[in-house]
N, C-alpha and C. Protein backbone atom coordinates (compact mmCIF):
# COMPACT_ATOMS: atom_id res chain seq x y z
N MET A 1 103.52 99.67 132.14
CA MET A 1 102.73 99.58 130.93
C MET A 1 101.77 98.39 131.03
N PRO A 2 100.50 98.55 130.63
CA PRO A 2 99.54 97.45 130.76
C PRO A 2 99.82 96.33 129.76
N LYS A 3 99.28 95.18 130.09
CA LYS A 3 99.43 94.03 129.20
C LYS A 3 98.58 94.23 127.95
N GLN A 4 99.03 93.63 126.85
CA GLN A 4 98.24 93.67 125.62
C GLN A 4 97.22 92.55 125.68
N LYS A 5 96.01 92.84 125.24
CA LYS A 5 94.96 91.82 125.23
C LYS A 5 94.80 91.25 123.83
N THR A 6 94.63 89.94 123.77
CA THR A 6 94.33 89.27 122.51
C THR A 6 92.85 89.45 122.21
N ASN A 7 92.52 89.69 120.95
CA ASN A 7 91.12 89.81 120.54
C ASN A 7 90.47 88.43 120.62
N SER A 8 89.41 88.31 121.43
CA SER A 8 88.79 87.00 121.70
C SER A 8 88.18 86.39 120.45
N GLY A 9 87.60 87.21 119.59
CA GLY A 9 87.01 86.68 118.36
C GLY A 9 88.07 86.15 117.42
N ALA A 10 89.20 86.85 117.34
CA ALA A 10 90.27 86.43 116.43
C ALA A 10 90.94 85.16 116.90
N LYS A 11 91.12 85.00 118.21
CA LYS A 11 91.82 83.80 118.68
C LYS A 11 90.98 82.54 118.45
N LYS A 12 89.65 82.69 118.33
CA LYS A 12 88.80 81.54 118.04
C LYS A 12 88.78 81.21 116.55
N ARG A 13 89.09 82.18 115.70
CA ARG A 13 88.93 82.00 114.26
C ARG A 13 90.21 81.71 113.49
N PHE A 14 91.35 82.06 114.06
CA PHE A 14 92.61 81.94 113.33
C PHE A 14 93.63 81.11 114.09
N ARG A 15 94.48 80.40 113.33
CA ARG A 15 95.60 79.66 113.90
C ARG A 15 96.83 80.02 113.08
N VAL A 16 97.98 80.11 113.75
CA VAL A 16 99.22 80.39 113.06
C VAL A 16 99.93 79.07 112.81
N THR A 17 100.37 78.84 111.56
CA THR A 17 101.05 77.61 111.22
C THR A 17 102.51 77.69 111.64
N GLY A 18 103.23 76.61 111.51
CA GLY A 18 104.63 76.59 111.88
C GLY A 18 105.49 77.52 111.05
N SER A 19 105.10 77.75 109.81
CA SER A 19 105.87 78.63 108.93
C SER A 19 105.44 80.09 109.06
N GLY A 20 104.48 80.38 109.96
CA GLY A 20 104.08 81.76 110.21
C GLY A 20 102.89 82.24 109.41
N LYS A 21 102.29 81.36 108.60
CA LYS A 21 101.09 81.74 107.87
C LYS A 21 99.88 81.60 108.78
N ILE A 22 98.75 82.18 108.38
CA ILE A 22 97.55 82.16 109.22
C ILE A 22 96.48 81.33 108.53
N LYS A 23 95.98 80.32 109.25
CA LYS A 23 94.91 79.47 108.74
C LYS A 23 93.56 80.04 109.14
N ARG A 24 92.56 79.84 108.28
CA ARG A 24 91.20 80.26 108.57
C ARG A 24 90.24 79.24 107.98
N LYS A 25 89.00 79.28 108.48
CA LYS A 25 87.94 78.44 107.91
C LYS A 25 87.25 79.21 106.81
N LYS A 26 86.58 78.50 105.92
CA LYS A 26 85.85 79.16 104.85
C LYS A 26 84.45 79.54 105.32
N ALA A 27 83.89 80.55 104.70
CA ALA A 27 82.56 81.04 105.05
C ALA A 27 81.48 80.29 104.25
N PHE A 28 80.23 80.63 104.50
CA PHE A 28 79.05 80.13 103.76
C PHE A 28 78.77 78.66 104.02
N THR A 29 79.01 78.17 105.25
CA THR A 29 78.74 76.76 105.56
C THR A 29 77.67 76.56 106.62
N SER A 30 77.08 77.64 107.13
CA SER A 30 76.23 77.48 108.31
C SER A 30 74.76 77.21 108.00
N HIS A 31 74.22 77.79 106.94
CA HIS A 31 72.80 77.55 106.63
C HIS A 31 72.57 77.76 105.15
N ILE A 32 71.34 77.50 104.70
CA ILE A 32 70.94 77.53 103.28
C ILE A 32 71.86 76.61 102.46
N LEU A 33 71.96 75.36 102.92
CA LEU A 33 72.86 74.42 102.27
C LEU A 33 72.19 73.62 101.16
N THR A 34 70.86 73.71 101.05
CA THR A 34 70.16 72.88 100.07
C THR A 34 70.46 73.30 98.65
N LYS A 35 70.68 74.58 98.43
CA LYS A 35 70.95 75.05 97.06
C LYS A 35 72.41 74.93 96.66
N LYS A 36 73.27 74.56 97.60
CA LYS A 36 74.70 74.42 97.29
C LYS A 36 74.97 72.97 96.88
N SER A 37 75.81 72.81 95.88
CA SER A 37 76.10 71.47 95.38
C SER A 37 76.97 70.71 96.39
N PRO A 38 76.92 69.38 96.35
CA PRO A 38 77.76 68.58 97.26
C PRO A 38 79.25 68.89 97.09
N LYS A 39 79.68 69.13 95.86
CA LYS A 39 81.09 69.45 95.61
C LYS A 39 81.47 70.77 96.29
N ARG A 40 80.57 71.75 96.19
CA ARG A 40 80.84 73.05 96.80
C ARG A 40 80.90 72.93 98.32
N LYS A 41 79.96 72.18 98.91
CA LYS A 41 79.95 72.01 100.36
C LYS A 41 81.19 71.25 100.83
N ARG A 42 81.62 70.26 100.07
CA ARG A 42 82.80 69.49 100.42
C ARG A 42 84.05 70.37 100.39
N ASN A 43 84.15 71.25 99.40
CA ASN A 43 85.31 72.14 99.31
C ASN A 43 85.29 73.22 100.39
N LEU A 44 84.11 73.59 100.87
CA LEU A 44 84.02 74.59 101.93
C LEU A 44 84.46 74.04 103.28
N ARG A 45 84.52 72.72 103.43
CA ARG A 45 84.95 72.12 104.69
C ARG A 45 86.44 72.33 104.95
N GLN A 46 87.22 72.45 103.88
CA GLN A 46 88.67 72.56 104.03
C GLN A 46 89.06 73.95 104.51
N SER A 47 90.09 74.01 105.32
CA SER A 47 90.59 75.31 105.75
C SER A 47 91.50 75.87 104.66
N THR A 48 91.75 77.17 104.75
CA THR A 48 92.60 77.84 103.77
C THR A 48 93.45 78.88 104.49
N LEU A 49 94.30 79.56 103.76
CA LEU A 49 95.20 80.54 104.35
C LEU A 49 94.66 81.95 104.14
N VAL A 50 94.96 82.81 105.08
CA VAL A 50 94.61 84.22 104.98
C VAL A 50 95.50 84.86 103.92
N HIS A 51 94.95 85.77 103.14
CA HIS A 51 95.71 86.47 102.11
C HIS A 51 96.82 87.30 102.77
N PRO A 52 97.99 87.34 102.16
CA PRO A 52 99.10 88.10 102.77
C PRO A 52 98.78 89.58 103.03
N ALA A 53 97.90 90.17 102.23
CA ALA A 53 97.55 91.58 102.45
C ALA A 53 96.79 91.78 103.75
N ASP A 54 96.09 90.74 104.24
CA ASP A 54 95.32 90.84 105.48
C ASP A 54 96.10 90.36 106.70
N LYS A 55 97.27 89.80 106.48
CA LYS A 55 98.02 89.18 107.58
C LYS A 55 98.38 90.17 108.68
N SER A 56 98.81 91.39 108.31
CA SER A 56 99.25 92.34 109.32
C SER A 56 98.09 92.78 110.21
N ASN A 57 96.89 92.92 109.64
CA ASN A 57 95.73 93.30 110.45
C ASN A 57 95.37 92.21 111.45
N ILE A 58 95.46 90.95 111.04
CA ILE A 58 95.11 89.85 111.93
C ILE A 58 96.18 89.67 113.01
N MET A 59 97.44 89.85 112.64
CA MET A 59 98.50 89.71 113.64
C MET A 59 98.41 90.82 114.69
N ARG A 60 97.84 91.96 114.32
CA ARG A 60 97.64 93.03 115.30
C ARG A 60 96.59 92.61 116.34
N LEU A 61 95.64 91.79 115.92
CA LEU A 61 94.61 91.29 116.85
C LEU A 61 95.14 90.16 117.74
N LEU A 62 96.25 89.54 117.34
CA LEU A 62 96.84 88.42 118.08
C LEU A 62 98.25 88.79 118.53
N PRO A 63 98.39 89.71 119.47
CA PRO A 63 99.73 90.20 119.81
C PRO A 63 100.58 89.19 120.58
N ASN A 64 99.97 88.20 121.20
CA ASN A 64 100.73 87.26 122.03
C ASN A 64 101.27 86.08 121.25
N ILE A 65 101.04 86.05 119.94
CA ILE A 65 101.58 84.98 119.10
C ILE A 65 102.83 85.51 118.42
N ASN A 66 103.96 84.89 118.69
CA ASN A 66 105.25 85.41 118.21
C ASN A 66 105.64 84.77 116.90
N LYS A 67 105.06 85.23 115.81
CA LYS A 67 105.44 84.74 114.47
C LYS A 67 105.49 85.90 113.53
């Protein structure tokens, strides 16, 4: 049976925490920043967790992570 391949895009975007949750970065930080308030930009810098409903789809893209 062939080896399973990890999705290259997913492995760059997601990290699995010690408790098995998935961390992600927030969107809307790359351009058109002049109209966004400093508070909004500051809050977008923080990472957040993937919603539990999306967890199974992301874990399918990362088969080599055992969590």
